[in-house]
Amino acid sequence: MKDYHCCATCLHFKAEKKAGGMLYYCKRLGYETKSSYKFNCWSPRDEIKKLMEKK
């Protein structure tokens, strides 16, 4: 899990391209984040779950 646990692999991570650059935020928590951040509310996407099961 430690290899995959970060915001970028979460179901709720959203990336949007804006005029000033990229905006990354958590749809669940409702605030801006970074792809490498880690929170306890992490819910991995299905493809990430499959990768973790293989390991």
PDB file of N, CA and C in Angstrom:
ATOM      1  N   MET A   1       0.830  -1.200   0.000  1.00  0.00           N
ATOM      2  CA  MET A   1       0.000   0.000   0.000  1.00  0.00           C
ATOM      3  C   MET A   1       0.869   1.257   0.000  1.00  0.00           C
ATOM      4  N   LYS A   2       1.988   1.212   0.701  1.00  0.00           N
ATOM      5  CA  LYS A   2       2.820   2.422   0.806  1.00  0.00           C
ATOM      6  C   LYS A   2       3.310   2.919  -0.548  1.00  0.00           C
ATOM      7  N   ASP A   3       3.441   2.026  -1.522  1.00  0.00           N
ATOM      8  CA  ASP A   3       3.896   2.436  -2.848  1.00  0.00           C
ATOM      9  C   ASP A   3       2.817   3.180  -3.630  1.00  0.00           C
ATOM     10  N   TYR A   4       1.567   3.001  -3.260  1.00  0.00           N
ATOM     11  CA  TYR A   4       0.455   3.571  -4.012  1.00  0.00           C
ATOM     12  C   TYR A   4      -0.330   4.641  -3.265  1.00  0.00           C
ATOM     13  N   HIS A   5      -0.186   4.716  -1.945  1.00  0.00           N
ATOM     14  CA  HIS A   5      -1.010   5.618  -1.143  1.00  0.00           C
ATOM     15  C   HIS A   5      -0.605   7.078  -1.337  1.00  0.00           C
ATOM     16  N   CYS A   6      -1.345   7.771  -2.186  1.00  0.00           N
ATOM     17  CA  CYS A   6      -1.181   9.209  -2.368  1.00  0.00           C
ATOM     18  C   CYS A   6      -2.437   9.737  -3.055  1.00  0.00           C
ATOM     19  N   CYS A   7      -2.645  11.013  -3.015  1.00  0.00           N
ATOM     20  CA  CYS A   7      -3.862  11.611  -3.573  1.00  0.00           C
ATOM     21  C   CYS A   7      -4.069  11.282  -5.049  1.00  0.00           C
ATOM     22  N   ALA A   8      -3.012  11.213  -5.827  1.00  0.00           N
ATOM     23  CA  ALA A   8      -3.146  10.983  -7.266  1.00  0.00           C
ATOM     24  C   ALA A   8      -3.773   9.634  -7.598  1.00  0.00           C
ATOM     25  N   THR A   9      -3.733   8.675  -6.675  1.00  0.00           N
ATOM     26  CA  THR A   9      -4.306   7.352  -6.922  1.00  0.00           C
ATOM     27  C   THR A   9      -5.685   7.180  -6.299  1.00  0.00           C
ATOM     28  N   CYS A  10      -6.229   8.235  -5.747  1.00  0.00           N
ATOM     29  CA  CYS A  10      -7.520   8.183  -5.053  1.00  0.00           C
ATOM     30  C   CYS A  10      -8.685   8.455  -6.005  1.00  0.00           C
ATOM     31  N   LEU A  11      -9.829   7.858  -5.694  1.00  0.00           N
ATOM     32  CA  LEU A  11     -11.059   8.075  -6.461  1.00  0.00           C
ATOM     33  C   LEU A  11     -11.480   9.533  -6.493  1.00  0.00           C
ATOM     34  N   HIS A  12     -11.176  10.255  -5.455  1.00  0.00           N
ATOM     35  CA  HIS A  12     -11.685  11.610  -5.276  1.00  0.00           C
ATOM     36  C   HIS A  12     -10.736  12.698  -5.766  1.00  0.00           C
ATOM     37  N   PHE A  13      -9.588  12.308  -6.291  1.00  0.00           N
ATOM     38  CA  PHE A  13      -8.601  13.272  -6.788  1.00  0.00           C
ATOM     39  C   PHE A  13      -9.058  13.817  -8.133  1.00  0.00           C
ATOM     40  N   LYS A  14      -9.020  15.127  -8.281  1.00  0.00           N
ATOM     41  CA  LYS A  14      -9.461  15.786  -9.507  1.00  0.00           C
ATOM     42  C   LYS A  14      -8.383  16.754  -9.957  1.00  0.00           C
ATOM     43  N   ALA A  15      -8.040  16.687 -11.239  1.00  0.00           N
ATOM     44  CA  ALA A  15      -7.058  17.600 -11.828  1.00  0.00           C
ATOM     45  C   ALA A  15      -7.747  18.391 -12.932  1.00  0.00           C
ATOM     46  N   GLU A  16      -7.594  19.697 -12.903  1.00  0.00           N
ATOM     47  CA  GLU A  16      -8.192  20.565 -13.919  1.00  0.00           C
ATOM     48  C   GLU A  16      -7.142  21.536 -14.437  1.00  0.00           C
ATOM     49  N   LYS A  17      -7.148  21.717 -15.745  1.00  0.00           N
ATOM     50  CA  LYS A  17      -6.234  22.679 -16.353  1.00  0.00           C
ATOM     51  C   LYS A  17      -6.911  24.044 -16.362  1.00  0.00           C
ATOM     52  N   LYS A  18      -6.281  25.008 -15.732  1.00  0.00           N
ATOM     53  CA  LYS A  18      -6.778  26.379 -15.657  1.00  0.00           C
ATOM     54  C   LYS A  18      -5.820  27.298 -16.412  1.00  0.00           C
ATOM     55  N   ALA A  19      -6.236  28.514 -16.638  1.00  0.00           N
ATOM     56  CA  ALA A  19      -5.399  29.486 -17.349  1.00  0.00           C
ATOM     57  C   ALA A  19      -4.052  29.687 -16.651  1.00  0.00           C
ATOM     58  N   GLY A  20      -4.046  29.660 -15.331  1.00  0.00           N
ATOM     59  CA  GLY A  20      -2.823  29.882 -14.565  1.00  0.00           C
ATOM     60  C   GLY A  20      -2.015  28.616 -14.313  1.00  0.00           C
ATOM     61  N   GLY A  21      -2.457  27.472 -14.818  1.00  0.00           N
ATOM     62  CA  GLY A  21      -1.764  26.204 -14.591  1.00  0.00           C
ATOM     63  C   GLY A  21      -2.733  25.133 -14.132  1.00  0.00           C
ATOM     64  N   MET A  22      -2.207  24.068 -13.630  1.00  0.00           N
ATOM     65  CA  MET A  22      -3.029  22.948 -13.183  1.00  0.00           C
ATOM     66  C   MET A  22      -3.540  23.186 -11.768  1.00  0.00           C
ATOM     67  N   LEU A  23      -4.777  22.744 -11.525  1.00  0.00           N
ATOM     68  CA  LEU A  23      -5.392  22.803 -10.202  1.00  0.00           C
ATOM     69  C   LEU A  23      -5.703  21.382  -9.790  1.00  0.00           C
ATOM     70  N   TYR A  24      -5.205  20.970  -8.638  1.00  0.00           N
ATOM     71  CA  TYR A  24      -5.450  19.635  -8.108  1.00  0.00           C
ATOM     72  C   TYR A  24      -6.247  19.774  -6.824  1.00  0.00           C
ATOM     73  N   TYR A  25      -7.347  19.027  -6.729  1.00  0.00           N
ATOM     74  CA  TYR A  25      -8.131  19.111  -5.505  1.00  0.00           C
ATOM     75  C   TYR A  25      -8.843  17.799  -5.215  1.00  0.00           C
ATOM     76  N   CYS A  26      -9.319  17.683  -3.992  1.00  0.00           N
ATOM     77  CA  CYS A  26     -10.051  16.507  -3.539  1.00  0.00           C
ATOM     78  C   CYS A  26     -11.543  16.818  -3.603  1.00  0.00           C
ATOM     79  N   LYS A  27     -12.273  16.029  -4.379  1.00  0.00           N
ATOM     80  CA  LYS A  27     -13.716  16.242  -4.495  1.00  0.00           C
ATOM     81  C   LYS A  27     -14.414  15.937  -3.173  1.00  0.00           C
ATOM     82  N   ARG A  28     -13.932  14.972  -2.413  1.00  0.00           N
ATOM     83  CA  ARG A  28     -14.560  14.600  -1.149  1.00  0.00           C
ATOM     84  C   ARG A  28     -14.328  15.665  -0.075  1.00  0.00           C
ATOM     85  N   LEU A  29     -13.087  16.077   0.098  1.00  0.00           N
ATOM     86  CA  LEU A  29     -12.756  17.044   1.137  1.00  0.00           C
ATOM     87  C   LEU A  29     -13.062  18.474   0.720  1.00  0.00           C
ATOM     88  N   GLY A  30     -13.034  18.724  -0.596  1.00  0.00           N
ATOM     89  CA  GLY A  30     -13.405  20.034  -1.105  1.00  0.00           C
ATOM     90  C   GLY A  30     -12.311  21.090  -1.057  1.00  0.00           C
ATOM     91  N   TYR A  31     -11.069  20.676  -1.000  1.00  0.00           N
ATOM     92  CA  TYR A  31     -10.014  21.680  -1.012  1.00  0.00           C
ATOM     93  C   TYR A  31      -8.833  21.249  -1.867  1.00  0.00           C
ATOM     94  N   GLU A  32      -7.990  22.207  -2.183  1.00  0.00           N
ATOM     95  CA  GLU A  32      -6.836  21.973  -3.047  1.00  0.00           C
ATOM     96  C   GLU A  32      -5.837  21.051  -2.359  1.00  0.00           C
ATOM     97  N   THR A  33      -5.206  20.206  -3.146  1.00  0.00           N
ATOM     98  CA  THR A  33      -4.209  19.272  -2.636  1.00  0.00           C
ATOM     99  C   THR A  33      -3.088  19.141  -3.659  1.00  0.00           C
ATOM    100  N   LYS A  34      -2.162  18.285  -3.414  1.00  0.00           N
ATOM    101  CA  LYS A  34      -1.108  17.967  -4.365  1.00  0.00           C
ATOM    102  C   LYS A  34      -1.158  16.462  -4.604  1.00  0.00           C
ATOM    103  N   SER A  35      -0.677  16.036  -5.759  1.00  0.00           N
ATOM    104  CA  SER A  35      -0.773  14.622  -6.116  1.00  0.00           C
ATOM    105  C   SER A  35       0.003  13.721  -5.168  1.00  0.00           C
ATOM    106  N   SER A  36       1.038  14.216  -4.539  1.00  0.00           N
ATOM    107  CA  SER A  36       1.861  13.392  -3.647  1.00  0.00           C
ATOM    108  C   SER A  36       1.401  13.398  -2.191  1.00  0.00           C
ATOM    109  N   TYR A  37       0.423  14.209  -1.842  1.00  0.00           N
ATOM    110  CA  TYR A  37      -0.062  14.259  -0.465  1.00  0.00           C
ATOM    111  C   TYR A  37      -0.739  12.952  -0.084  1.00  0.00           C
ATOM    112  N   LYS A  38      -0.785  12.675   1.220  1.00  0.00           N
ATOM    113  CA  LYS A  38      -1.420  11.464   1.737  1.00  0.00           C
ATOM    114  C   LYS A  38      -2.380  11.834   2.867  1.00  0.00           C
ATOM    115  N   PHE A  39      -3.598  11.299   2.795  1.00  0.00           N
ATOM    116  CA  PHE A  39      -4.595  11.515   3.833  1.00  0.00           C
ATOM    117  C   PHE A  39      -5.175  10.168   4.248  1.00  0.00           C
ATOM    118  N   ASN A  40      -5.719  10.076   5.445  1.00  0.00           N
ATOM    119  CA  ASN A  40      -6.293   8.829   5.946  1.00  0.00           C
ATOM    120  C   ASN A  40      -7.589   8.452   5.239  1.00  0.00           C
ATOM    121  N   CYS A  41      -8.196   9.355   4.529  1.00  0.00           N
ATOM    122  CA  CYS A  41      -9.472   9.088   3.859  1.00  0.00           C
ATOM    123  C   CYS A  41      -9.279   8.494   2.467  1.00  0.00           C
ATOM    124  N   TRP A  42      -8.072   8.086   2.133  1.00  0.00           N
ATOM    125  CA  TRP A  42      -7.703   7.576   0.815  1.00  0.00           C
ATOM    126  C   TRP A  42      -8.560   6.397   0.389  1.00  0.00           C
ATOM    127  N   SER A  43      -9.136   6.479  -0.812  1.00  0.00           N
ATOM    128  CA  SER A  43      -9.912   5.395  -1.420  1.00  0.00           C
ATOM    129  C   SER A  43      -9.316   5.128  -2.806  1.00  0.00           C
ATOM    130  N   PRO A  44      -8.535   4.054  -2.941  1.00  0.00           N
ATOM    131  CA  PRO A  44      -7.844   3.822  -4.214  1.00  0.00           C
ATOM    132  C   PRO A  44      -8.798   3.509  -5.362  1.00  0.00           C
ATOM    133  N   ARG A  45      -8.417   3.939  -6.557  1.00  0.00           N
ATOM    134  CA  ARG A  45      -9.188   3.611  -7.763  1.00  0.00           C
ATOM    135  C   ARG A  45      -9.076   2.112  -8.017  1.00  0.00           C
ATOM    136  N   ASP A  46      -9.984   1.568  -8.824  1.00  0.00           N
ATOM    137  CA  ASP A  46     -10.021   0.131  -9.092  1.00  0.00           C
ATOM    138  C   ASP A  46      -8.712  -0.397  -9.667  1.00  0.00           C
ATOM    139  N   GLU A  47      -8.122   0.331 -10.612  1.00  0.00           N
ATOM    140  CA  GLU A  47      -6.872  -0.149 -11.215  1.00  0.00           C
ATOM    141  C   GLU A  47      -5.726  -0.179 -10.205  1.00  0.00           C
ATOM    142  N   ILE A  48      -5.761   0.705  -9.223  1.00  0.00           N
ATOM    143  CA  ILE A  48      -4.744   0.726  -8.179  1.00  0.00           C
ATOM    144  C   ILE A  48      -4.952  -0.467  -7.244  1.00  0.00           C
ATOM    145  N   LYS A  49      -6.201  -0.788  -6.930  1.00  0.00           N
ATOM    146  CA  LYS A  49      -6.502  -1.966  -6.103  1.00  0.00           C
ATOM    147  C   LYS A  49      -5.965  -3.232  -6.758  1.00  0.00           C
ATOM    148  N   LYS A  50      -6.128  -3.344  -8.071  1.00  0.00           N
ATOM    149  CA  LYS A  50      -5.640  -4.509  -8.807  1.00  0.00           C
ATOM    150  C   LYS A  50      -4.116  -4.590  -8.746  1.00  0.00           C
ATOM    151  N   LEU A  51      -3.448  -3.450  -8.904  1.00  0.00           N
ATOM    152  CA  LEU A  51      -1.976  -3.428  -8.805  1.00  0.00           C
ATOM    153  C   LEU A  51      -1.506  -3.850  -7.422  1.00  0.00           C
ATOM    154  N   MET A  52      -2.201  -3.409  -6.380  1.00  0.00           N
ATOM    155  CA  MET A  52      -1.821  -3.772  -5.009  1.00  0.00           C
ATOM    156  C   MET A  52      -2.038  -5.259  -4.767  1.00  0.00           C
ATOM    157  N   GLU A  53      -3.092  -5.839  -5.339  1.00  0.00           N
ATOM    158  CA  GLU A  53      -3.355  -7.271  -5.177  1.00  0.00           C
ATOM    159  C   GLU A  53      -2.283  -8.118  -5.844  1.00  0.00           C
ATOM    160  N   LYS A  54      -1.750  -7.642  -6.977  1.00  0.00           N
ATOM    161  CA  LYS A  54      -0.711  -8.377  -7.686  1.00  0.00           C
ATOM    162  C   LYS A  54       0.577  -8.446  -6.889  1.00  0.00           C
ATOM    163  N   LYS A  55       0.876  -7.393  -6.145  1.00  0.00           N
ATOM    164  CA  LYS A  55       2.120  -7.321  -5.379  1.00  0.00           C
ATOM    165  C   LYS A  55       2.123  -8.202  -4.200  1.00  0.00           C
TER     166      LYS A  55
END
